[in-house]
C-alpha atoms as a PDB file:
ATOM      1  CA  UNK A   1       0.010   0.036  -0.094  1.00  0.00           C
ATOM      2  CA  UNK A   2       2.901   2.542   1.057  1.00  0.00           C
ATOM      3  CA  UNK A   3       4.385   1.343  -2.270  1.00  0.00           C
ATOM      4  CA  UNK A   4       1.366   2.279  -4.356  1.00  0.00           C
ATOM      5  CA  UNK A   5       0.933   5.709  -2.287  1.00  0.00           C
ATOM      6  CA  UNK A   6       4.750   6.191  -3.129  1.00  0.00           C
ATOM      7  CA  UNK A   7       4.101   5.578  -6.998  1.00  0.00           C
ATOM      8  CA  UNK A   8       1.081   7.216  -7.299  1.00  0.00           C
ATOM      9  CA  UNK A   9       2.939  10.718  -5.406  1.00  0.00           C
ATOM     10  CA  UNK A  10       5.849  10.376  -7.768  1.00  0.00           C
ATOM     11  CA  UNK A  11       3.795   9.873 -10.872  1.00  0.00           C
ATOM     12  CA  UNK A  12       1.711  13.351  -9.740  1.00  0.00           C
ATOM     13  CA  UNK A  13       5.250  15.292  -9.162  1.00  0.00           C
ATOM     14  CA  UNK A  14       6.264  13.693 -12.596  1.00  0.00           C
ATOM     15  CA  UNK A  15       3.204  15.115 -14.318  1.00  0.00           C
ATOM     16  CA  UNK A  16       3.666  18.545 -12.525  1.00  0.00           C
ATOM     17  CA  UNK A  17       6.811  18.742 -13.392  1.00  0.00           C
ATOM     18  CA  UNK A  18       5.857  17.782 -17.203  1.00  0.00           C
ATOM     19  CA  UNK A  19       2.862  20.261 -17.240  1.00  0.00           C
ATOM     20  CA  UNK A  20       5.584  23.248 -15.643  1.00  0.00           C
ATOM     21  CA  UNK A  21       8.183  22.538 -18.343  1.00  0.00           C
ATOM     22  CA  UNK A  22       5.065  22.579 -20.925  1.00  0.00           C
ATOM     23  CA  UNK A  23       4.323  26.266 -19.726  1.00  0.00           C
ATOM     24  CA  UNK A  24       7.877  27.536 -19.731  1.00  0.00           C
ATOM     25  CA  UNK A  25       8.361  26.370 -23.304  1.00  0.00           C
ATOM     26  CA  UNK A  26       5.152  27.930 -24.215  1.00  0.00           C
ATOM     27  CA  UNK A  27       6.301  31.121 -22.369  1.00  0.00           C
ATOM     28  CA  UNK A  28       9.629  31.050 -24.109  1.00  0.00           C
ATOM     29  CA  UNK A  29       8.041  31.028 -27.408  1.00  0.00           C
ATOM     30  CA  UNK A  30       5.729  33.925 -27.529  1.00  0.00           C
ATOM     31  CA  UNK A  31       4.849  35.112 -31.161  1.00  0.00           C
ATOM     32  CA  UNK A  32       4.673  38.890 -32.064  1.00  0.00           C
ATOM     33  CA  UNK A  33       3.311  40.461 -34.916  1.00  0.00           C
ATOM     34  CA  UNK A  34       4.277  43.885 -37.032  1.00  0.00           C
ATOM     35  CA  UNK A  35       0.975  45.724 -35.579  1.00  0.00           C
ATOM     36  CA  UNK A  36       2.080  44.635 -32.273  1.00  0.00           C
ATOM     37  CA  UNK A  37       5.490  46.184 -32.941  1.00  0.00           C
ATOM     38  CA  UNK A  38       4.075  49.287 -34.204  1.00  0.00           C
ATOM     39  CA  UNK A  39       2.001  49.610 -31.328  1.00  0.00           C
ATOM     40  CA  UNK A  40       4.795  49.273 -29.130  1.00  0.00           C
ATOM     41  CA  UNK A  41       7.276  51.723 -30.722  1.00  0.00           C
ATOM     42  CA  UNK A  42       4.117  54.487 -31.197  1.00  0.00           C
ATOM     43  CA  UNK A  43       3.842  53.761 -27.610  1.00  0.00           C
ATOM     44  CA  UNK A  44       7.456  54.818 -26.805  1.00  0.00           C
ATOM     45  CA  UNK A  45       7.066  58.009 -28.771  1.00  0.00           C
ATOM     46  CA  UNK A  46       4.208  59.296 -27.446  1.00  0.00           C
ATOM     47  CA  UNK A  47       6.010  58.881 -23.976  1.00  0.00           C
ATOM     48  CA  UNK A  48       8.666  61.499 -25.299  1.00  0.00           C
ATOM     49  CA  UNK A  49       6.465  64.794 -24.836  1.00  0.00           C
ATOM     50  CA  UNK A  50       5.185  64.062 -21.219  1.00  0.00           C
ATOM     51  CA  UNK A  51       9.037  62.193 -20.310  1.00  0.00           C
ATOM     52  CA  UNK A  52       7.155  59.210 -19.349  1.00  0.00           C
ATOM     53  CA  UNK A  53       9.912  56.781 -18.716  1.00  0.00           C
ATOM     54  CA  UNK A  54       8.012  53.537 -18.239  1.00  0.00           C
ATOM     55  CA  UNK A  55       7.289  52.578 -21.961  1.00  0.00           C
ATOM     56  CA  UNK A  56      11.164  52.750 -22.514  1.00  0.00           C
ATOM     57  CA  UNK A  57      12.050  51.022 -19.265  1.00  0.00           C
ATOM     58  CA  UNK A  58       9.495  48.254 -20.512  1.00  0.00           C
ATOM     59  CA  UNK A  59      10.405  47.567 -23.933  1.00  0.00           C
ATOM     60  CA  UNK A  60      14.229  48.304 -24.265  1.00  0.00           C
ATOM     61  CA  UNK A  61      16.402  45.669 -22.964  1.00  0.00           C
ATOM     62  CA  UNK A  62      18.787  46.087 -19.964  1.00  0.00           C
ATOM     63  CA  UNK A  63      21.715  45.445 -22.258  1.00  0.00           C
ATOM     64  CA  UNK A  64      20.568  47.307 -25.377  1.00  0.00           C
ATOM     65  CA  UNK A  65      22.291  49.847 -27.582  1.00  0.00           C
ATOM     66  CA  UNK A  66      20.791  52.742 -28.565  1.00  0.00           C
ATOM     67  CA  UNK A  67      22.510  54.966 -31.779  1.00  0.00           C
ATOM     68  CA  UNK A  68      20.506  58.254 -32.296  1.00  0.00           C
ATOM     69  CA  UNK A  69      20.805  60.756 -35.195  1.00  0.00           C
ATOM     70  CA  UNK A  70      23.109  62.866 -33.852  1.00  0.00           C
ATOM     71  CA  UNK A  71      25.657  59.850 -33.859  1.00  0.00           C
ATOM     72  CA  UNK A  72      25.685  59.577 -30.092  1.00  0.00           C
ATOM     73  CA  UNK A  73      25.288  56.189 -28.385  1.00  0.00           C
ATOM     74  CA  UNK A  74      23.507  55.106 -25.232  1.00  0.00           C
ATOM     75  CA  UNK A  75      23.010  52.164 -22.860  1.00  0.00           C
ATOM     76  CA  UNK A  76      19.898  51.586 -21.109  1.00  0.00           C
ATOM     77  CA  UNK A  77      20.480  53.723 -18.215  1.00  0.00           C
ATOM     78  CA  UNK A  78      21.834  56.814 -20.278  1.00  0.00           C
ATOM     79  CA  UNK A  79      18.607  55.853 -22.534  1.00  0.00           C
ATOM     80  CA  UNK A  80      16.405  56.449 -19.985  1.00  0.00           C
ATOM     81  CA  UNK A  81      17.730  59.393 -18.025  1.00  0.00           C
ATOM     82  CA  UNK A  82      17.517  61.404 -21.483  1.00  0.00           C
ATOM     83  CA  UNK A  83      13.718  60.916 -21.743  1.00  0.00           C
ATOM     84  CA  UNK A  84      12.623  64.256 -20.104  1.00  0.00           C
ATOM     85  CA  UNK A  85       9.506  66.284 -20.428  1.00  0.00           C
ATOM     86  CA  UNK A  86       9.666  69.064 -23.139  1.00  0.00           C
ATOM     87  CA  UNK A  87      10.438  72.422 -21.581  1.00  0.00           C
ATOM     88  CA  UNK A  88       7.775  74.858 -21.495  1.00  0.00           C
ATOM     89  CA  UNK A  89       6.618  76.426 -24.685  1.00  0.00           C
ATOM     90  CA  UNK A  90       7.519  73.338 -26.543  1.00  0.00           C
ATOM     91  CA  UNK A  91       4.916  70.464 -27.573  1.00  0.00           C
ATOM     92  CA  UNK A  92       4.972  67.901 -31.030  1.00  0.00           C
ATOM     93  CA  UNK A  93       4.325  64.473 -31.993  1.00  0.00           C
ATOM     94  CA  UNK A  94       6.324  61.614 -33.546  1.00  0.00           C
ATOM     95  CA  UNK A  95       4.647  59.245 -36.082  1.00  0.00           C
ATOM     96  CA  UNK A  96       5.144  56.040 -37.683  1.00  0.00           C
ATOM     97  CA  UNK A  97       4.766  55.443 -41.037  1.00  0.00           C
ATOM     98  CA  UNK A  98       6.249  52.887 -43.698  1.00  0.00           C
ATOM     99  CA  UNK A  99       6.566  50.269 -41.116  1.00  0.00           C
ATOM    100  CA  UNK A 100       8.517  47.167 -42.493  1.00  0.00           C
ATOM    101  CA  UNK A 101       9.105  43.931 -40.447  1.00  0.00           C
ATOM    102  CA  UNK A 102      11.071  40.642 -40.767  1.00  0.00           C
ATOM    103  CA  UNK A 103       9.957  38.493 -37.912  1.00  0.00           C
ATOM    104  CA  UNK A 104      12.463  35.243 -37.880  1.00  0.00           C
ATOM    105  CA  UNK A 105      12.289  33.321 -34.423  1.00  0.00           C
ATOM    106  CA  UNK A 106      12.796  35.099 -31.538  1.00  0.00           C
ATOM    107  CA  UNK A 107      14.281  38.200 -33.644  1.00  0.00           C
ATOM    108  CA  UNK A 108      12.122  40.343 -35.035  1.00  0.00           C
ATOM    109  CA  UNK A 109      13.296  43.617 -37.090  1.00  0.00           C
ATOM    110  CA  UNK A 110      11.220  46.777 -37.170  1.00  0.00           C
ATOM    111  CA  UNK A 111      11.964  49.326 -39.917  1.00  0.00           C
ATOM    112  CA  UNK A 112      10.162  52.782 -40.376  1.00  0.00           C
ATOM    113  CA  UNK A 113       9.890  56.241 -40.906  1.00  0.00           C
ATOM    114  CA  UNK A 114       9.097  58.660 -37.981  1.00  0.00           C
ATOM    115  CA  UNK A 115       7.719  61.735 -38.924  1.00  0.00           C
ATOM    116  CA  UNK A 116       8.510  64.567 -36.181  1.00  0.00           C
ATOM    117  CA  UNK A 117       6.384  67.460 -36.110  1.00  0.00           C
ATOM    118  CA  UNK A 118       7.170  70.134 -32.899  1.00  0.00           C
ATOM    119  CA  UNK A 119       6.015  73.700 -32.038  1.00  0.00           C
ATOM    120  CA  UNK A 120       8.272  75.854 -30.316  1.00  0.00           C
ATOM    121  CA  UNK A 121       6.491  79.052 -28.898  1.00  0.00           C
ATOM    122  CA  UNK A 122       4.420  79.130 -31.892  1.00  0.00           C
ATOM    123  CA  UNK A 123       6.715  78.374 -34.620  1.00  0.00           C
ATOM    124  CA  UNK A 124       6.334  75.029 -36.396  1.00  0.00           C
ATOM    125  CA  UNK A 125       9.318  72.619 -37.354  1.00  0.00           C
ATOM    126  CA  UNK A 126       9.298  69.528 -38.959  1.00  0.00           C
ATOM    127  CA  UNK A 127      11.906  66.443 -39.453  1.00  0.00           C
ATOM    128  CA  UNK A 128      11.855  62.836 -40.702  1.00  0.00           C
ATOM    129  CA  UNK A 129      14.145  60.300 -39.578  1.00  0.00           C
ATOM    130  CA  UNK A 130      14.495  56.399 -40.541  1.00  0.00           C
ATOM    131  CA  UNK A 131      14.856  54.209 -37.874  1.00  0.00           C
ATOM    132  CA  UNK A 132      15.626  50.383 -37.308  1.00  0.00           C
ATOM    133  CA  UNK A 133      14.599  48.541 -33.778  1.00  0.00           C
ATOM    134  CA  UNK A 134      15.969  44.606 -33.350  1.00  0.00           C
ATOM    135  CA  UNK A 135      13.676  43.546 -31.386  1.00  0.00           C
ATOM    136  CA  UNK A 136      14.878  40.023 -29.339  1.00  0.00           C
ATOM    137  CA  UNK A 137      12.489  37.125 -27.573  1.00  0.00           C
ATOM    138  CA  UNK A 138      13.978  36.194 -23.985  1.00  0.00           C
ATOM    139  CA  UNK A 139      12.648  34.425 -21.306  1.00  0.00           C
ATOM    140  CA  UNK A 140       8.940  35.041 -23.051  1.00  0.00           C
ATOM    141  CA  UNK A 141       9.509  38.655 -23.328  1.00  0.00           C
ATOM    142  CA  UNK A 142      10.151  40.786 -26.387  1.00  0.00           C
ATOM    143  CA  UNK A 143      12.421  43.438 -25.921  1.00  0.00           C
ATOM    144  CA  UNK A 144      14.539  46.037 -28.275  1.00  0.00           C
ATOM    145  CA  UNK A 145      18.358  45.243 -28.095  1.00  0.00           C
ATOM    146  CA  UNK A 146      19.435  47.632 -30.495  1.00  0.00           C
ATOM    147  CA  UNK A 147      18.362  50.643 -32.263  1.00  0.00           C
ATOM    148  CA  UNK A 148      19.773  52.937 -35.013  1.00  0.00           C
ATOM    149  CA  UNK A 149      18.305  56.316 -36.198  1.00  0.00           C
ATOM    150  CA  UNK A 150      19.151  58.549 -39.180  1.00  0.00           C
ATOM    151  CA  UNK A 151      17.953  62.123 -40.244  1.00  0.00           C
ATOM    152  CA  UNK A 152      16.592  62.306 -43.886  1.00  0.00           C
ATOM    153  CA  UNK A 153      18.642  65.195 -45.598  1.00  0.00           C
ATOM    154  CA  UNK A 154      16.581  68.108 -46.489  1.00  0.00           C
ATOM    155  CA  UNK A 155      17.696  71.126 -48.251  1.00  0.00           C
ATOM    156  CA  UNK A 156      17.579  74.332 -46.294  1.00  0.00           C
ATOM    157  CA  UNK A 157      15.386  77.159 -47.234  1.00  0.00           C
ATOM    158  CA  UNK A 158      16.188  79.245 -50.438  1.00  0.00           C
ATOM    159  CA  UNK A 159      17.059  82.824 -49.645  1.00  0.00           C
ATOM    160  CA  UNK A 160      17.468  85.973 -51.493  1.00  0.00           C
ATOM    161  CA  UNK A 161      20.298  86.370 -53.473  1.00  0.00           C
ATOM    162  CA  UNK A 162      22.108  89.467 -54.555  1.00  0.00           C
ATOM    163  CA  UNK A 163      23.182  89.381 -58.809  1.00  0.00           C
ATOM    164  CA  UNK A 164      25.537  92.501 -58.383  1.00  0.00           C
ATOM    165  CA  UNK A 165      27.814  90.008 -56.719  1.00  0.00           C
ATOM    166  CA  UNK A 166      27.879  87.334 -59.200  1.00  0.00           C
ATOM    167  CA  UNK A 167      30.871  88.992 -61.115  1.00  0.00           C
ATOM    168  CA  UNK A 168      32.859  88.552 -58.016  1.00  0.00           C
ATOM    169  CA  UNK A 169      32.104  84.785 -58.040  1.00  0.00           C
ATOM    170  CA  UNK A 170      32.159  83.826 -61.574  1.00  0.00           C
ATOM    171  CA  UNK A 171      35.554  82.329 -62.984  1.00  0.00           C
ATOM    172  CA  UNK A 172      37.744  79.130 -63.017  1.00  0.00           C
ATOM    173  CA  UNK A 173      38.743  77.561 -59.724  1.00  0.00           C
ATOM    174  CA  UNK A 174      41.384  74.769 -59.604  1.00  0.00           C
ATOM    175  CA  UNK A 175      41.477  71.888 -56.727  1.00  0.00           C
ATOM    176  CA  UNK A 176      44.656  70.548 -58.392  1.00  0.00           C
ATOM    177  CA  UNK A 177      46.207  70.708 -62.193  1.00  0.00           C
ATOM    178  CA  UNK A 178      43.688  69.570 -64.169  1.00  0.00           C
ATOM    179  CA  UNK A 179      40.911  69.785 -61.859  1.00  0.00           C
ATOM    180  CA  UNK A 180      38.596  72.600 -62.248  1.00  0.00           C
ATOM    181  CA  UNK A 181      35.175  73.854 -61.784  1.00  0.00           C
ATOM    182  CA  UNK A 182      33.766  76.760 -63.597  1.00  0.00           C
ATOM    183  CA  UNK A 183      30.843  79.182 -61.941  1.00  0.00           C
ATOM    184  CA  UNK A 184      28.726  81.048 -64.234  1.00  0.00           C
ATOM    185  CA  UNK A 185      25.609  83.222 -63.868  1.00  0.00           C
ATOM    186  CA  UNK A 186      22.648  83.307 -66.054  1.00  0.00           C
ATOM    187  CA  UNK A 187      20.213  86.629 -65.150  1.00  0.00           C
ATOM    188  CA  UNK A 188      19.494  86.157 -61.163  1.00  0.00           C
ATOM    189  CA  UNK A 189      20.831  82.488 -61.272  1.00  0.00           C
ATOM    190  CA  UNK A 190      24.495  81.150 -60.368  1.00  0.00           C
ATOM    191  CA  UNK A 191      25.755  77.956 -61.561  1.00  0.00           C
ATOM    192  CA  UNK A 192      28.638  75.495 -61.144  1.00  0.00           C
ATOM    193  CA  UNK A 193      29.796  73.208 -63.638  1.00  0.00           C
ATOM    194  CA  UNK A 194      32.547  70.610 -63.656  1.00  0.00           C
ATOM    195  CA  UNK A 195      33.105  67.680 -66.348  1.00  0.00           C
ATOM    196  CA  UNK A 196      30.150  68.165 -68.112  1.00  0.00           C
ATOM    197  CA  UNK A 197      28.035  68.537 -64.920  1.00  0.00           C
ATOM    198  CA  UNK A 198      26.404  71.589 -64.704  1.00  0.00           C
ATOM    199  CA  UNK A 199      24.199  72.468 -61.408  1.00  0.00           C
ATOM    200  CA  UNK A 200      22.412  75.626 -59.872  1.00  0.00           C
ATOM    201  CA  UNK A 201      23.812  77.224 -56.901  1.00  0.00           C
ATOM    202  CA  UNK A 202      20.764  78.129 -54.727  1.00  0.00           C
ATOM    203  CA  UNK A 203      21.214  80.924 -52.281  1.00  0.00           C
ATOM    204  CA  UNK A 204      20.678  80.396 -48.766  1.00  0.00           C
ATOM    205  CA  UNK A 205      22.047  83.779 -47.929  1.00  0.00           C
ATOM    206  CA  UNK A 206      23.666  86.272 -50.263  1.00  0.00           C
ATOM    207  CA  UNK A 207      26.813  84.723 -50.018  1.00  0.00           C
ATOM    208  CA  UNK A 208      26.365  81.129 -48.821  1.00  0.00           C
ATOM    209  CA  UNK A 209      24.986  78.483 -51.340  1.00  0.00           C
ATOM    210  CA  UNK A 210      23.890  74.881 -51.858  1.00  0.00           C
ATOM    211  CA  UNK A 211      22.855  72.543 -54.417  1.00  0.00           C
ATOM    212  CA  UNK A 212      19.420  70.587 -54.737  1.00  0.00           C
ATOM    213  CA  UNK A 213      19.787  67.303 -52.950  1.00  0.00           C
ATOM    214  CA  UNK A 214      23.541  67.543 -51.871  1.00  0.00           C
ATOM    215  CA  UNK A 215      24.524  68.020 -48.147  1.00  0.00           C
ATOM    216  CA  UNK A 216      27.212  70.539 -47.413  1.00  0.00           C
ATOM    217  CA  UNK A 217      27.347  74.300 -48.640  1.00  0.00           C
ATOM    218  CA  UNK A 218      29.624  76.313 -51.263  1.00  0.00           C
ATOM    219  CA  UNK A 219      30.843  79.967 -49.944  1.00  0.00           C
ATOM    220  CA  UNK A 220      33.318  81.910 -51.108  1.00  0.00           C
ATOM    221  CA  UNK A 221      36.407  83.328 -49.857  1.00  0.00           C
ATOM    222  CA  UNK A 222      37.634  86.726 -50.070  1.00  0.00           C
ATOM    223  CA  UNK A 223      41.315  88.144 -49.571  1.00  0.00           C
ATOM    224  CA  UNK A 224      41.978  90.938 -47.542  1.00  0.00           C
ATOM    225  CA  UNK A 225      41.302  93.608 -50.497  1.00  0.00           C
ATOM    226  CA  UNK A 226      37.881  91.688 -50.773  1.00  0.00           C
ATOM    227  CA  UNK A 227      38.510  90.062 -53.832  1.00  0.00           C
ATOM    228  CA  UNK A 228      37.291  86.475 -54.364  1.00  0.00           C
ATOM    229  CA  UNK A 229      40.444  83.990 -54.262  1.00  0.00           C
ATOM    230  CA  UNK A 230      38.669  80.746 -53.573  1.00  0.00           C
ATOM    231  CA  UNK A 231      35.321  78.694 -53.849  1.00  0.00           C
ATOM    232  CA  UNK A 232      35.083  76.311 -50.809  1.00  0.00           C
ATOM    233  CA  UNK A 233      33.183  73.406 -50.640  1.00  0.00           C
ATOM    234  CA  UNK A 234      32.274  72.892 -46.876  1.00  0.00           C
ATOM    235  CA  UNK A 235      31.237  69.211 -46.232  1.00  0.00           C
ATOM    236  CA  UNK A 236      30.952  68.284 -42.399  1.00  0.00           C
ATOM    237  CA  UNK A 237      32.165  71.246 -41.452  1.00  0.00           C
ATOM    238  CA  UNK A 238      35.280  70.524 -43.359  1.00  0.00           C
ATOM    239  CA  UNK A 239      36.292  72.756 -46.224  1.00  0.00           C
ATOM    240  CA  UNK A 240      37.543  71.391 -49.774  1.00  0.00           C
ATOM    241  CA  UNK A 241      39.169  74.491 -51.404  1.00  0.00           C
ATOM    242  CA  UNK A 242      39.420  75.421 -54.980  1.00  0.00           C
ATOM    243  CA  UNK A 243      41.801  78.290 -55.806  1.00  0.00           C
ATOM    244  CA  UNK A 244      40.633  81.031 -58.182  1.00  0.00           C
ATOM    245  CA  UNK A 245      42.817  81.255 -61.680  1.00  0.00           C
ATOM    246  CA  UNK A 246      40.913  83.341 -63.438  1.00  0.00           C
END
């Protein structure tokens, strides 16, 4: 009789152990959908304006890596500390657009545009970013293990130009022997041409120019006498100098 009871108790224990193992296995394999990833991500962005850190603590893994559009890299403590209410006079929203996902096993990628609208004391600003988040499922919980963002380049607003100054800019500029570009004027428009490719120099100010869809600025350097002696192609705050030859 005692042997029977011991066997029965063992069977019950084995059954409970089996059911517990099944539950753990099920908990460790919780599927997720693109819609749920988008919902959670939008929840994160909605929490930025009020400085609500709770979703960021919940959805980012303790060992996450977060790289923002400015090139800064955060671990989770630094990321959470950066979530604070916007200052008085500031408001805004960030909306997710064009989301795409890839979900394979316990790993999910969500890649999307983040469209930001910000108001600063009544003045409206807009910016667009592209973000890719890597979600990882561990212990039945989906969290972001890595996030990378970059900002879409947008041309500055076109300003006013002074065609009377074009005569100072027009000429040929040399980077090295055989490497030249020319600046010409047509009415109230200024152009730069190199190797047969002609582009308009759009004014940001009367003496600062840019090319449509091209990062960087073009400016003209004047020597002490006021005469233009070089064209400066400024890229990422570094200058490529083309000296005026004629």
